[in-house]
C-alpha atoms as a PDB file:
ATOM      1  CA  MET A   1    -193.834 143.910  12.461  1.00  0.00           C
ATOM      2  CA  ILE A   2    -191.031 145.594  13.881  1.00  0.00           C
ATOM      3  CA  ARG A   3    -191.589 149.301  13.696  1.00  0.00           C
ATOM      4  CA  THR A   4    -188.780 151.781  13.347  1.00  0.00           C
ATOM      5  CA  LEU A   5    -189.271 154.821  15.708  1.00  0.00           C
ATOM      6  CA  PHE A   6    -187.885 158.079  13.747  1.00  0.00           C
ATOM      7  CA  LEU A   7    -186.657 160.769  16.768  1.00  0.00           C
ATOM      8  CA  LEU A   8    -185.988 164.245  15.951  1.00  0.00           C
ATOM      9  CA  GLY A   9    -186.216 167.006  18.446  1.00  0.00           C
ATOM     10  CA  PRO A  10    -185.297 170.869  18.690  1.00  0.00           C
ATOM     11  CA  SER A  11    -181.663 172.424  18.611  1.00  0.00           C
ATOM     12  CA  ASP A  12    -179.938 174.256  21.713  1.00  0.00           C
ATOM     13  CA  ILE A  13    -179.661 176.884  19.531  1.00  0.00           C
ATOM     14  CA  GLU A  14    -182.200 179.675  19.377  1.00  0.00           C
ATOM     15  CA  GLY A  15    -183.094 180.373  15.732  1.00  0.00           C
ATOM     16  CA  ASN A  16    -181.482 176.862  14.585  1.00  0.00           C
ATOM     17  CA  ASN A  17    -184.497 174.859  15.449  1.00  0.00           C
ATOM     18  CA  PRO A  18    -185.475 171.686  13.663  1.00  0.00           C
ATOM     19  CA  ALA A  19    -189.024 171.042  15.172  1.00  0.00           C
ATOM     20  CA  THR A  20    -191.417 173.861  15.794  1.00  0.00           C
ATOM     21  CA  ARG A  21    -195.340 173.739  16.246  1.00  0.00           C
ATOM     22  CA  THR A  22    -198.401 175.997  16.577  1.00  0.00           C
ATOM     23  CA  PRO A  23    -201.886 175.845  17.725  1.00  0.00           C
ATOM     24  CA  ALA A  24    -204.047 173.958  15.287  1.00  0.00           C
ATOM     25  CA  GLN A  25    -207.980 175.053  14.942  1.00  0.00           C
ATOM     26  CA  GLY A  26    -210.237 173.110  17.456  1.00  0.00           C
ATOM     27  CA  GLY A  27    -207.181 172.094  19.680  1.00  0.00           C
ATOM     28  CA  GLY A  28    -203.360 170.644  19.578  1.00  0.00           C
ATOM     29  CA  TRP A  29    -200.993 171.413  17.498  1.00  0.00           C
ATOM     30  CA  ILE A  30    -199.451 171.364  13.882  1.00  0.00           C
ATOM     31  CA  VAL A  31    -196.169 170.115  13.599  1.00  0.00           C
ATOM     32  CA  THR A  32    -193.392 171.343  11.417  1.00  0.00           C
ATOM     33  CA  THR A  33    -189.630 170.605  10.727  1.00  0.00           C
ATOM     34  CA  ASP A  34    -186.741 172.131   9.314  1.00  0.00           C
ATOM     35  CA  LEU A  35    -183.992 169.329   8.491  1.00  0.00           C
ATOM     36  CA  SER A  36    -181.089 171.951   9.225  1.00  0.00           C
ATOM     37  CA  GLY A  37    -178.886 169.622  11.789  1.00  0.00           C
ATOM     38  CA  VAL A  38    -180.534 166.502  11.350  1.00  0.00           C
ATOM     39  CA  LEU A  39    -180.435 163.471   8.823  1.00  0.00           C
ATOM     40  CA  PRO A  40    -182.786 164.439   6.432  1.00  0.00           C
ATOM     41  CA  ILE A  41    -183.730 161.196   5.142  1.00  0.00           C
ATOM     42  CA  LEU A  42    -187.439 161.434   6.402  1.00  0.00           C
ATOM     43  CA  PRO A  43    -189.341 163.183   2.826  1.00  0.00           C
ATOM     44  CA  TYR A  44    -187.710 159.662   1.378  1.00  0.00           C
ATOM     45  CA  VAL A  45    -189.192 157.406   4.006  1.00  0.00           C
ATOM     46  CA  LYS A  46    -192.543 158.906   3.982  1.00  0.00           C
ATOM     47  CA  SER A  47    -193.021 158.736   0.364  1.00  0.00           C
ATOM     48  CA  ASP A  48    -191.658 154.860   0.407  1.00  0.00           C
ATOM     49  CA  ARG A  49    -194.560 152.710   0.909  1.00  0.00           C
ATOM     50  CA  THR A  50    -192.993 150.207   2.411  1.00  0.00           C
ATOM     51  CA  LEU A  51    -190.888 151.980   4.504  1.00  0.00           C
ATOM     52  CA  SER A  52    -193.894 154.923   5.667  1.00  0.00           C
ATOM     53  CA  ALA A  53    -195.948 151.856   6.612  1.00  0.00           C
ATOM     54  CA  LYS A  54    -193.501 150.070   9.293  1.00  0.00           C
ATOM     55  CA  SER A  55    -192.104 153.792  10.610  1.00  0.00           C
ATOM     56  CA  ASN A  56    -193.802 156.760  12.906  1.00  0.00           C
ATOM     57  CA  THR A  57    -191.875 160.002  12.886  1.00  0.00           C
ATOM     58  CA  VAL A  58    -191.415 161.067  16.708  1.00  0.00           C
ATOM     59  CA  LEU A  59    -190.660 165.164  17.792  1.00  0.00           C
ATOM     60  CA  VAL A  60    -189.070 164.545  20.930  1.00  0.00           C
ATOM     61  CA  GLY A  61    -190.739 167.300  23.453  1.00  0.00           C
ATOM     62  CA  VAL A  62    -193.668 167.118  21.405  1.00  0.00           C
ATOM     63  CA  HIS A  63    -194.761 163.876  21.343  1.00  0.00           C
ATOM     64  CA  GLU A  64    -194.980 160.948  24.156  1.00  0.00           C
ATOM     65  CA  ILE A  65    -193.588 157.412  23.135  1.00  0.00           C
ATOM     66  CA  GLN A  66    -196.615 154.847  23.907  1.00  0.00           C
ATOM     67  CA  LEU A  67    -195.692 151.547  23.011  1.00  0.00           C
ATOM     68  CA  PRO A  68    -197.979 148.417  23.538  1.00  0.00           C
ATOM     69  CA  GLU A  69    -196.180 145.656  26.180  1.00  0.00           C
ATOM     70  CA  ASN A  70    -193.540 143.604  24.199  1.00  0.00           C
ATOM     71  CA  ALA A  71    -193.474 145.526  21.099  1.00  0.00           C
ATOM     72  CA  ARG A  72    -190.580 145.225  18.486  1.00  0.00           C
ATOM     73  CA  VAL A  73    -189.323 148.178  17.724  1.00  0.00           C
ATOM     74  CA  ASN A  74    -185.782 150.091  16.188  1.00  0.00           C
ATOM     75  CA  LEU A  75    -185.258 153.677  17.222  1.00  0.00           C
ATOM     76  CA  PHE A  76    -183.595 156.014  14.266  1.00  0.00           C
ATOM     77  CA  ASN A  77    -181.945 159.159  15.875  1.00  0.00           C
ATOM     78  CA  LEU A  78    -181.977 161.797  12.993  1.00  0.00           C
ATOM     79  CA  VAL A  79    -179.968 164.481  15.482  1.00  0.00           C
ATOM     80  CA  GLY A  80    -177.008 164.515  13.651  1.00  0.00           C
ATOM     81  CA  ASP A  81    -175.306 168.114  14.654  1.00  0.00           C
ATOM     82  CA  ALA A  82    -173.428 167.292  18.276  1.00  0.00           C
ATOM     83  CA  ASP A  83    -172.613 170.874  18.517  1.00  0.00           C
ATOM     84  CA  SER A  84    -175.932 172.427  18.142  1.00  0.00           C
ATOM     85  CA  SER A  85    -178.205 170.056  19.703  1.00  0.00           C
ATOM     86  CA  SER A  86    -176.154 168.148  22.601  1.00  0.00           C
ATOM     87  CA  ASN A  87    -179.469 168.172  24.986  1.00  0.00           C
ATOM     88  CA  MET A  88    -181.469 166.519  22.809  1.00  0.00           C
ATOM     89  CA  LEU A  89    -178.817 163.919  21.939  1.00  0.00           C
ATOM     90  CA  HIS A  90    -178.662 163.152  25.807  1.00  0.00           C
ATOM     91  CA  GLU A  91    -182.420 163.384  25.835  1.00  0.00           C
ATOM     92  CA  ILE A  92    -182.633 160.473  22.893  1.00  0.00           C
ATOM     93  CA  GLN A  93    -180.137 158.729  24.424  1.00  0.00           C
ATOM     94  CA  HIS A  94    -182.489 158.834  27.592  1.00  0.00           C
ATOM     95  CA  ILE A  95    -185.079 157.179  25.385  1.00  0.00           C
ATOM     96  CA  VAL A  96    -182.822 154.802  23.712  1.00  0.00           C
ATOM     97  CA  ASN A  97    -181.862 153.283  27.139  1.00  0.00           C
ATOM     98  CA  LYS A  98    -185.088 152.886  28.619  1.00  0.00           C
ATOM     99  CA  ILE A  99    -186.678 151.610  26.021  1.00  0.00           C
ATOM    100  CA  GLN A 100    -184.075 149.277  24.762  1.00  0.00           C
ATOM    101  CA  PRO A 101    -184.888 148.973  21.198  1.00  0.00           C
ATOM    102  CA  LEU A 102    -183.896 145.765  18.816  1.00  0.00           C
ATOM    103  CA  ARG A 103    -181.527 148.174  16.904  1.00  0.00           C
ATOM    104  CA  CYS A 104    -180.852 151.691  17.298  1.00  0.00           C
ATOM    105  CA  PHE A 105    -179.389 153.233  14.426  1.00  0.00           C
ATOM    106  CA  ASN A 106    -176.877 156.339  14.736  1.00  0.00           C
ATOM    107  CA  PRO A 107    -176.804 156.025  18.801  1.00  0.00           C
ATOM    108  CA  PRO A 108    -176.463 159.676  19.922  1.00  0.00           C
ATOM    109  CA  SER A 109    -173.604 158.650  22.309  1.00  0.00           C
ATOM    110  CA  HIS A 110    -171.381 157.902  19.269  1.00  0.00           C
ATOM    111  CA  VAL A 111    -172.798 161.379  17.118  1.00  0.00           C
ATOM    112  CA  PHE A 112    -170.503 162.790  19.970  1.00  0.00           C
ATOM    113  CA  ARG A 113    -167.551 161.853  18.150  1.00  0.00           C
ATOM    114  CA  THR A 114    -168.615 163.883  14.819  1.00  0.00           C
ATOM    115  CA  SER A 115    -168.573 167.440  17.033  1.00  0.00           C
ATOM    116  CA  ARG A 116    -166.075 169.661  14.464  1.00  0.00           C
ATOM    117  CA  GLY A 117    -163.899 169.994  18.268  1.00  0.00           C
ATOM    118  CA  ARG A 118    -163.635 166.085  18.199  1.00  0.00           C
ATOM    119  CA  LEU A 119    -163.437 164.656  15.111  1.00  0.00           C
ATOM    120  CA  PRO A 120    -159.494 165.628  14.619  1.00  0.00           C
ATOM    121  CA  LYS A 121    -159.478 163.249  17.984  1.00  0.00           C
ATOM    122  CA  THR A 122    -161.786 160.959  16.508  1.00  0.00           C
ATOM    123  CA  LEU A 123    -160.046 160.580  13.262  1.00  0.00           C
ATOM    124  CA  ALA A 124    -156.316 161.205  14.319  1.00  0.00           C
ATOM    125  CA  ASN A 125    -153.336 159.090  12.972  1.00  0.00           C
ATOM    126  CA  ILE A 126    -155.212 157.589   9.938  1.00  0.00           C
ATOM    127  CA  PRO A 127    -152.696 156.481   7.441  1.00  0.00           C
ATOM    128  CA  GLY A 128    -153.374 158.733   3.861  1.00  0.00           C
ATOM    129  CA  CYS A 129    -155.780 161.141   5.846  1.00  0.00           C
ATOM    130  CA  ILE A 130    -155.132 164.401   7.112  1.00  0.00           C
ATOM    131  CA  VAL A 131    -157.645 166.321   9.572  1.00  0.00           C
ATOM    132  CA  PRO A 132    -157.239 170.050   9.828  1.00  0.00           C
ATOM    133  CA  GLN A 133    -157.037 171.117  13.773  1.00  0.00           C
ATOM    134  CA  VAL A 134    -160.041 172.644  15.685  1.00  0.00           C
ATOM    135  CA  ASP A 135    -160.343 174.660  18.760  1.00  0.00           C
ATOM    136  CA  ALA A 136    -163.764 175.652  20.548  1.00  0.00           C
ATOM    137  CA  ALA A 137    -163.520 179.299  21.977  1.00  0.00           C
ATOM    138  CA  HIS A 138    -166.211 181.280  23.501  1.00  0.00           C
ATOM    139  CA  PRO A 139    -165.319 184.694  23.633  1.00  0.00           C
ATOM    140  CA  LYS A 140    -167.591 187.420  24.917  1.00  0.00           C
ATOM    141  CA  THR A 141    -165.759 190.467  23.649  1.00  0.00           C
ATOM    142  CA  PHE A 142    -163.698 191.802  20.784  1.00  0.00           C
ATOM    143  CA  SER A 143    -160.773 191.156  22.771  1.00  0.00           C
ATOM    144  CA  GLU A 144    -161.563 187.818  23.936  1.00  0.00           C
ATOM    145  CA  LEU A 145    -161.796 186.567  19.985  1.00  0.00           C
ATOM    146  CA  VAL A 146    -158.266 188.386  18.961  1.00  0.00           C
ATOM    147  CA  ALA A 147    -157.162 186.670  21.800  1.00  0.00           C
ATOM    148  CA  ALA A 148    -158.484 183.277  21.212  1.00  0.00           C
ATOM    149  CA  CYS A 149    -157.361 183.490  17.365  1.00  0.00           C
ATOM    150  CA  GLU A 150    -153.748 184.424  18.377  1.00  0.00           C
ATOM    151  CA  GLU A 151    -153.604 181.667  21.000  1.00  0.00           C
ATOM    152  CA  PHE A 152    -154.700 178.805  18.039  1.00  0.00           C
ATOM    153  CA  ASP A 153    -152.209 180.465  16.194  1.00  0.00           C
ATOM    154  CA  ARG A 154    -152.660 178.668  12.993  1.00  0.00           C
ATOM    155  CA  TRP A 155    -152.864 180.658  10.044  1.00  0.00           C
ATOM    156  CA  PRO A 156    -154.629 181.282   7.935  1.00  0.00           C
ATOM    157  CA  MET A 157    -157.714 179.966  10.085  1.00  0.00           C
ATOM    158  CA  ILE A 158    -161.372 180.132   9.609  1.00  0.00           C
ATOM    159  CA  VAL A 159    -163.806 181.271  12.468  1.00  0.00           C
ATOM    160  CA  ARG A 160    -167.005 179.837  12.180  1.00  0.00           C
ATOM    161  CA  ALA A 161    -169.936 179.915  14.394  1.00  0.00           C
ATOM    162  CA  CYS A 162    -170.932 176.690  16.293  1.00  0.00           C
ATOM    163  CA  GLY A 163    -173.847 174.905  14.897  1.00  0.00           C
ATOM    164  CA  TYR A 164    -174.435 176.402  11.378  1.00  0.00           C
ATOM    165  CA  HIS A 165    -174.008 174.494   8.325  1.00  0.00           C
ATOM    166  CA  GLY A 166    -173.814 175.756   4.381  1.00  0.00           C
ATOM    167  CA  GLY A 167    -171.293 178.114   4.730  1.00  0.00           C
ATOM    168  CA  LYS A 168    -173.381 180.207   7.284  1.00  0.00           C
ATOM    169  CA  HIS A 169    -171.523 182.614   9.583  1.00  0.00           C
ATOM    170  CA  MET A 170    -168.117 181.012   8.556  1.00  0.00           C
ATOM    171  CA  PHE A 171    -165.103 183.675   7.978  1.00  0.00           C
ATOM    172  CA  LEU A 172    -161.000 182.916   6.529  1.00  0.00           C
ATOM    173  CA  ILE A 173    -158.794 185.029   8.143  1.00  0.00           C
ATOM    174  CA  LYS A 174    -154.795 185.380   7.262  1.00  0.00           C
ATOM    175  CA  GLU A 175    -154.137 187.787   9.632  1.00  0.00           C
ATOM    176  CA  ILE A 176    -155.470 189.453  13.277  1.00  0.00           C
ATOM    177  CA  ALA A 177    -156.281 192.627  11.305  1.00  0.00           C
ATOM    178  CA  GLU A 178    -159.077 191.038   9.228  1.00  0.00           C
ATOM    179  CA  LEU A 179    -161.130 190.271  12.195  1.00  0.00           C
ATOM    180  CA  GLU A 180    -162.609 193.465  12.310  1.00  0.00           C
ATOM    181  CA  ALA A 181    -164.816 192.582   9.670  1.00  0.00           C
ATOM    182  CA  ILE A 182    -166.658 190.461  11.913  1.00  0.00           C
ATOM    183  CA  LYS A 183    -166.038 192.451  14.821  1.00  0.00           C
ATOM    184  CA  GLY A 184    -169.759 194.112  14.807  1.00  0.00           C
ATOM    185  CA  LEU A 185    -171.519 191.213  13.977  1.00  0.00           C
ATOM    186  CA  SER A 186    -173.065 189.233  16.561  1.00  0.00           C
ATOM    187  CA  TRP A 187    -172.482 185.191  15.677  1.00  0.00           C
ATOM    188  CA  PRO A 188    -168.536 185.419  16.738  1.00  0.00           C
ATOM    189  CA  TYR A 189    -169.964 186.093  20.649  1.00  0.00           C
ATOM    190  CA  GLY A 190    -172.187 182.893  20.606  1.00  0.00           C
ATOM    191  CA  GLY A 191    -169.885 180.050  20.522  1.00  0.00           C
ATOM    192  CA  ILE A 192    -167.466 179.159  17.801  1.00  0.00           C
ATOM    193  CA  PHE A 193    -164.680 177.188  16.452  1.00  0.00           C
ATOM    194  CA  LEU A 194    -161.123 177.801  15.166  1.00  0.00           C
ATOM    195  CA  LEU A 195    -160.549 175.383  11.976  1.00  0.00           C
ATOM    196  CA  GLU A 196    -157.237 174.715  10.785  1.00  0.00           C
ATOM    197  CA  PHE A 197    -157.574 176.464   6.755  1.00  0.00           C
ATOM    198  CA  PHE A 198    -156.060 173.800   4.185  1.00  0.00           C
ATOM    199  CA  ASP A 199    -155.688 175.246   0.803  1.00  0.00           C
ATOM    200  CA  TYR A 200    -157.151 172.738  -0.984  1.00  0.00           C
ATOM    201  CA  LEU A 201    -156.758 174.486  -4.779  1.00  0.00           C
ATOM    202  CA  ASN A 202    -155.712 172.479  -7.487  1.00  0.00           C
ATOM    203  CA  GLU A 203    -153.447 172.829 -10.425  1.00  0.00           C
ATOM    204  CA  ASP A 204    -156.366 174.292 -12.462  1.00  0.00           C
ATOM    205  CA  GLY A 205    -157.120 176.698 -10.094  1.00  0.00           C
ATOM    206  CA  LEU A 206    -160.284 175.249  -8.594  1.00  0.00           C
ATOM    207  CA  TYR A 207    -161.382 174.005  -5.365  1.00  0.00           C
ATOM    208  CA  GLU A 208    -162.832 170.865  -5.633  1.00  0.00           C
ATOM    209  CA  LYS A 209    -165.030 168.901  -2.407  1.00  0.00           C
ATOM    210  CA  THR A 210    -166.417 165.307  -2.874  1.00  0.00           C
ATOM    211  CA  ARG A 211    -168.847 163.843  -0.752  1.00  0.00           C
ATOM    212  CA  VAL A 212    -169.562 159.848  -0.106  1.00  0.00           C
ATOM    213  CA  ILE A 213    -172.160 159.266   2.306  1.00  0.00           C
ATOM    214  CA  MET A 214    -171.463 155.999   4.474  1.00  0.00           C
ATOM    215  CA  VAL A 215    -174.937 153.633   4.672  1.00  0.00           C
ATOM    216  CA  ASP A 216    -174.419 150.297   7.095  1.00  0.00           C
ATOM    217  CA  GLY A 217    -170.625 150.367   6.772  1.00  0.00           C
ATOM    218  CA  ILE A 218    -170.296 151.126   2.811  1.00  0.00           C
ATOM    219  CA  PRO A 219    -168.894 154.239   1.069  1.00  0.00           C
ATOM    220  CA  TYR A 220    -171.704 155.332  -1.771  1.00  0.00           C
ATOM    221  CA  PRO A 221    -170.391 158.537  -4.080  1.00  0.00           C
ATOM    222  CA  ARG A 222    -172.773 161.398  -3.895  1.00  0.00           C
ATOM    223  CA  HIS A 223    -171.478 164.605  -5.913  1.00  0.00           C
ATOM    224  CA  ARG A 224    -168.422 166.933  -6.606  1.00  0.00           C
ATOM    225  CA  ILE A 225    -168.753 170.382  -6.612  1.00  0.00           C
ATOM    226  CA  SER A 226    -166.139 172.561  -8.251  1.00  0.00           C
ATOM    227  CA  SER A 227    -165.741 176.230  -7.420  1.00  0.00           C
ATOM    228  CA  ASN A 228    -163.341 179.033  -7.477  1.00  0.00           C
ATOM    229  CA  GLN A 229    -164.242 179.769  -3.738  1.00  0.00           C
ATOM    230  CA  TRP A 230    -162.643 178.005  -0.929  1.00  0.00           C
ATOM    231  CA  ALA A 231    -165.929 177.635   1.177  1.00  0.00           C
ATOM    232  CA  ILE A 232    -168.296 174.729  -0.798  1.00  0.00           C
ATOM    233  CA  HIS A 233    -171.428 174.235   0.208  1.00  0.00           C
ATOM    234  CA  SER A 234    -174.968 172.847  -1.311  1.00  0.00           C
ATOM    235  CA  GLY A 235    -175.242 176.159  -2.988  1.00  0.00           C
ATOM    236  CA  SER A 236    -171.803 176.773  -4.555  1.00  0.00           C
ATOM    237  CA  ARG A 237    -173.141 175.302  -8.127  1.00  0.00           C
ATOM    238  CA  VAL A 238    -173.696 178.442  -8.727  1.00  0.00           C
ATOM    239  CA  ASP A 239    -170.103 179.893  -8.632  1.00  0.00           C
ATOM    240  CA  LEU A 240    -168.623 177.958 -11.900  1.00  0.00           C
ATOM    241  CA  MET A 241    -171.154 175.168 -12.542  1.00  0.00           C
ATOM    242  CA  ASN A 242    -173.970 176.750 -13.368  1.00  0.00           C
ATOM    243  CA  ARG A 243    -172.596 178.014 -16.506  1.00  0.00           C
ATOM    244  CA  ASP A 244    -169.713 175.521 -17.148  1.00  0.00           C
ATOM    245  CA  ILE A 245    -171.060 172.474 -18.805  1.00  0.00           C
ATOM    246  CA  GLY A 246    -167.093 171.238 -19.298  1.00  0.00           C
ATOM    247  CA  LEU A 247    -167.311 171.027 -15.221  1.00  0.00           C
ATOM    248  CA  CYS A 248    -170.310 169.069 -15.056  1.00  0.00           C
ATOM    249  CA  HIS A 249    -169.039 166.018 -17.079  1.00  0.00           C
ATOM    250  CA  SER A 250    -165.794 166.472 -14.888  1.00  0.00           C
ATOM    251  CA  GLU A 251    -167.967 165.904 -11.876  1.00  0.00           C
ATOM    252  CA  GLU A 252    -169.560 163.081 -14.106  1.00  0.00           C
ATOM    253  CA  ARG A 253    -166.664 160.943 -15.206  1.00  0.00           C
ATOM    254  CA  TYR A 254    -165.145 161.652 -11.393  1.00  0.00           C
ATOM    255  CA  LEU A 255    -168.204 160.042  -9.641  1.00  0.00           C
ATOM    256  CA  SER A 256    -168.199 157.228 -12.313  1.00  0.00           C
ATOM    257  CA  GLN A 257    -164.534 156.434 -11.801  1.00  0.00           C
ATOM    258  CA  LEU A 258    -165.013 156.879  -7.992  1.00  0.00           C
ATOM    259  CA  ARG A 259    -167.869 154.209  -7.851  1.00  0.00           C
ATOM    260  CA  ASP A 260    -166.161 151.605 -10.030  1.00  0.00           C
ATOM    261  CA  SER A 261    -162.489 151.513  -8.545  1.00  0.00           C
ATOM    262  CA  GLY A 262    -161.825 155.044  -6.897  1.00  0.00           C
ATOM    263  CA  LEU A 263    -163.990 153.841  -3.681  1.00  0.00           C
ATOM    264  CA  ALA A 264    -161.979 150.761  -3.719  1.00  0.00           C
ATOM    265  CA  GLU A 265    -158.316 152.464  -3.663  1.00  0.00           C
ATOM    266  CA  HIS A 266    -158.750 154.843  -0.116  1.00  0.00           C
ATOM    267  CA  ALA A 267    -161.153 151.751   1.025  1.00  0.00           C
ATOM    268  CA  PRO A 268    -158.963 151.208   3.853  1.00  0.00           C
ATOM    269  CA  ILE A 269    -159.657 155.161   5.030  1.00  0.00           C
ATOM    270  CA  PHE A 270    -163.208 154.936   4.743  1.00  0.00           C
ATOM    271  CA  GLN A 271    -163.465 151.392   6.641  1.00  0.00           C
ATOM    272  CA  GLU A 272    -161.598 153.029   9.411  1.00  0.00           C
ATOM    273  CA  ILE A 273    -163.782 156.171   9.432  1.00  0.00           C
ATOM    274  CA  HIS A 274    -166.523 153.917   9.937  1.00  0.00           C
ATOM    275  CA  ARG A 275    -164.459 151.935  12.522  1.00  0.00           C
ATOM    276  CA  ARG A 276    -164.125 154.833  14.505  1.00  0.00           C
ATOM    277  CA  ILE A 277    -167.256 156.896  14.117  1.00  0.00           C
ATOM    278  CA  GLU A 278    -169.541 153.926  14.477  1.00  0.00           C
ATOM    279  CA  LEU A 279    -172.997 156.011  12.712  1.00  0.00           C
ATOM    280  CA  ASP A 280    -174.913 153.825  10.357  1.00  0.00           C
ATOM    281  CA  VAL A 281    -175.649 156.661   7.919  1.00  0.00           C
ATOM    282  CA  PHE A 282    -173.243 159.663   7.561  1.00  0.00           C
ATOM    283  CA  GLY A 283    -171.641 161.796   5.231  1.00  0.00           C
ATOM    284  CA  ILE A 284    -168.098 162.654   4.820  1.00  0.00           C
ATOM    285  CA  ASP A 285    -166.804 165.791   2.970  1.00  0.00           C
ATOM    286  CA  TYR A 286    -163.020 165.338   1.606  1.00  0.00           C
ATOM    287  CA  ALA A 287    -160.459 166.810  -0.773  1.00  0.00           C
ATOM    288  CA  LEU A 288    -157.676 164.717  -2.521  1.00  0.00           C
ATOM    289  CA  VAL A 289    -154.235 166.635  -2.060  1.00  0.00           C
ATOM    290  CA  ASP A 290    -151.033 165.335  -2.821  1.00  0.00           C
ATOM    291  CA  GLY A 291    -152.844 161.537  -2.458  1.00  0.00           C
ATOM    292  CA  GLN A 292    -153.872 162.595   1.030  1.00  0.00           C
ATOM    293  CA  VAL A 293    -157.716 162.208   1.851  1.00  0.00           C
ATOM    294  CA  VAL A 294    -158.068 165.665   3.533  1.00  0.00           C
ATOM    295  CA  ILE A 295    -161.103 165.696   5.704  1.00  0.00           C
ATOM    296  CA  PHE A 296    -163.539 169.026   6.277  1.00  0.00           C
ATOM    297  CA  GLU A 297    -166.506 167.078   8.117  1.00  0.00           C
ATOM    298  CA  ALA A 298    -167.669 163.809   8.692  1.00  0.00           C
ATOM    299  CA  ASN A 299    -171.276 163.815  10.558  1.00  0.00           C
ATOM    300  CA  ALA A 300    -174.944 162.747  10.116  1.00  0.00           C
ATOM    301  CA  CYS A 301    -176.195 166.189   9.083  1.00  0.00           C
ATOM    302  CA  MET A 302    -175.475 166.227   5.309  1.00  0.00           C
ATOM    303  CA  SER A 303    -177.849 166.327   2.178  1.00  0.00           C
ATOM    304  CA  PHE A 304    -178.167 163.733  -0.201  1.00  0.00           C
ATOM    305  CA  LEU A 305    -181.201 162.287  -1.086  1.00  0.00           C
ATOM    306  CA  GLY A 306    -182.188 165.662  -2.746  1.00  0.00           C
ATOM    307  CA  ASP A 307    -183.543 165.157  -6.443  1.00  0.00           C
ATOM    308  CA  ARG A 308    -183.452 168.892  -7.631  1.00  0.00           C
ATOM    309  CA  TYR A 309    -180.632 168.281 -10.302  1.00  0.00           C
ATOM    310  CA  GLY A 310    -180.995 172.262 -11.388  1.00  0.00           C
ATOM    311  CA  ASP A 311    -183.119 174.156 -13.561  1.00  0.00           C
ATOM    312  CA  ASP A 312    -182.163 172.682 -17.137  1.00  0.00           C
ATOM    313  CA  ASP A 313    -181.856 169.166 -15.599  1.00  0.00           C
ATOM    314  CA  GLN A 314    -177.890 169.831 -16.207  1.00  0.00           C
ATOM    315  CA  TYR A 315    -177.600 167.374 -13.016  1.00  0.00           C
ATOM    316  CA  GLN A 316    -179.409 164.785 -14.067  1.00  0.00           C
ATOM    317  CA  TYR A 317    -176.447 162.748 -13.989  1.00  0.00           C
ATOM    318  CA  LEU A 318    -176.825 162.509 -10.582  1.00  0.00           C
ATOM    319  CA  ASP A 319    -179.675 160.967 -10.337  1.00  0.00           C
ATOM    320  CA  SER A 320    -178.460 157.395 -10.215  1.00  0.00           C
ATOM    321  CA  TYR A 321    -176.447 158.274  -7.126  1.00  0.00           C
ATOM    322  CA  VAL A 322    -179.207 159.393  -5.351  1.00  0.00           C
ATOM    323  CA  LYS A 323    -181.094 156.474  -6.141  1.00  0.00           C
ATOM    324  CA  ALA A 324    -178.601 153.912  -5.132  1.00  0.00           C
ATOM    325  CA  LEU A 325    -178.542 155.353  -1.824  1.00  0.00           C
ATOM    326  CA  ARG A 326    -182.068 155.558  -1.461  1.00  0.00           C
ATOM    327  CA  ARG A 327    -181.528 151.924  -2.091  1.00  0.00           C
ATOM    328  CA  ALA A 328    -178.887 151.418   0.957  1.00  0.00           C
ATOM    329  CA  ILE A 329    -181.229 153.343   3.130  1.00  0.00           C
ATOM    330  CA  LYS A 330    -184.105 150.984   2.320  1.00  0.00           C
ATOM    331  CA  LYS A 331    -182.790 147.485   2.513  1.00  0.00           C
ATOM    332  CA  MET A 332    -181.005 148.671   5.570  1.00  0.00           C
ATOM    333  CA  LEU A 333    -184.158 149.390   7.199  1.00  0.00           C
ATOM    334  CA  VAL A 334    -185.854 146.546   5.814  1.00  0.00           C
ATOM    335  CA  LYS A 335    -183.461 143.728   6.876  1.00  0.00           C
ATOM    336  CA  SER A 336    -182.984 145.374  10.715  1.00  0.00           C
END
């Protein structure tokens, strides 16, 4: 039987660590994981009898990998943030090179193609696709922060901390004077990205961001969140959608259309993104602006298998898309 080892490991960023351990009574360790910065599929794998029977979780730096001679194994790298986990990705690549598995899912070397700084280069010059420009900066003082923004010189711009997700440590500025609002915070001096802001406000006065998940080269719709705020993340449904059933119906119709024909319309773009990134499972966050696909993120640390559909189950229509993704993940793993 072929077993799949799912590899996790700590982030390089203190306080943003997906794996922690505490001493257990009687010796040994109790290991817990925080799924920030990794591909969050383990809860599903562990809950599925077929997949759990054929898999093990390895916390790099905590567990030793000991395989019987001639063992038949696949490795699945779950570390998905090239910006926060560079050291761990190199360590996992070393494990891959040493073990030489039958298949390595989400090769660490390919994850680097999705870093915020590298993504515009990875996805450059795809017809019908726009990727806002990004620059990395490491200011240590406020004057260096100002100088970095002036040198980037793309207005308005987003100042964002390296290695964080979900809208955390992110600030939009239209002019240099607005930097005063974050001058006294610590995160702007721990490594940042400066991102070109692409205004995707639609004719209805809303921002709408769509998430598609690529599994084994096939795109699957996951959600489209509408908000009156430009910075949309998983918690943004509270902005408008939680109290506007019309927006929920709009998302439901849009996802149905995307599944039935919309993905096919943009198939060449998604196929080319997959060809360039070459990961087995990753997400793409984008908006449609004047017929162009504007890419905000493409990486392997996006949530997509959760099944919490609101306090009143108002997002129950998302269930079929979650189930489709679970089937796709299982199919990919079982056939490997």
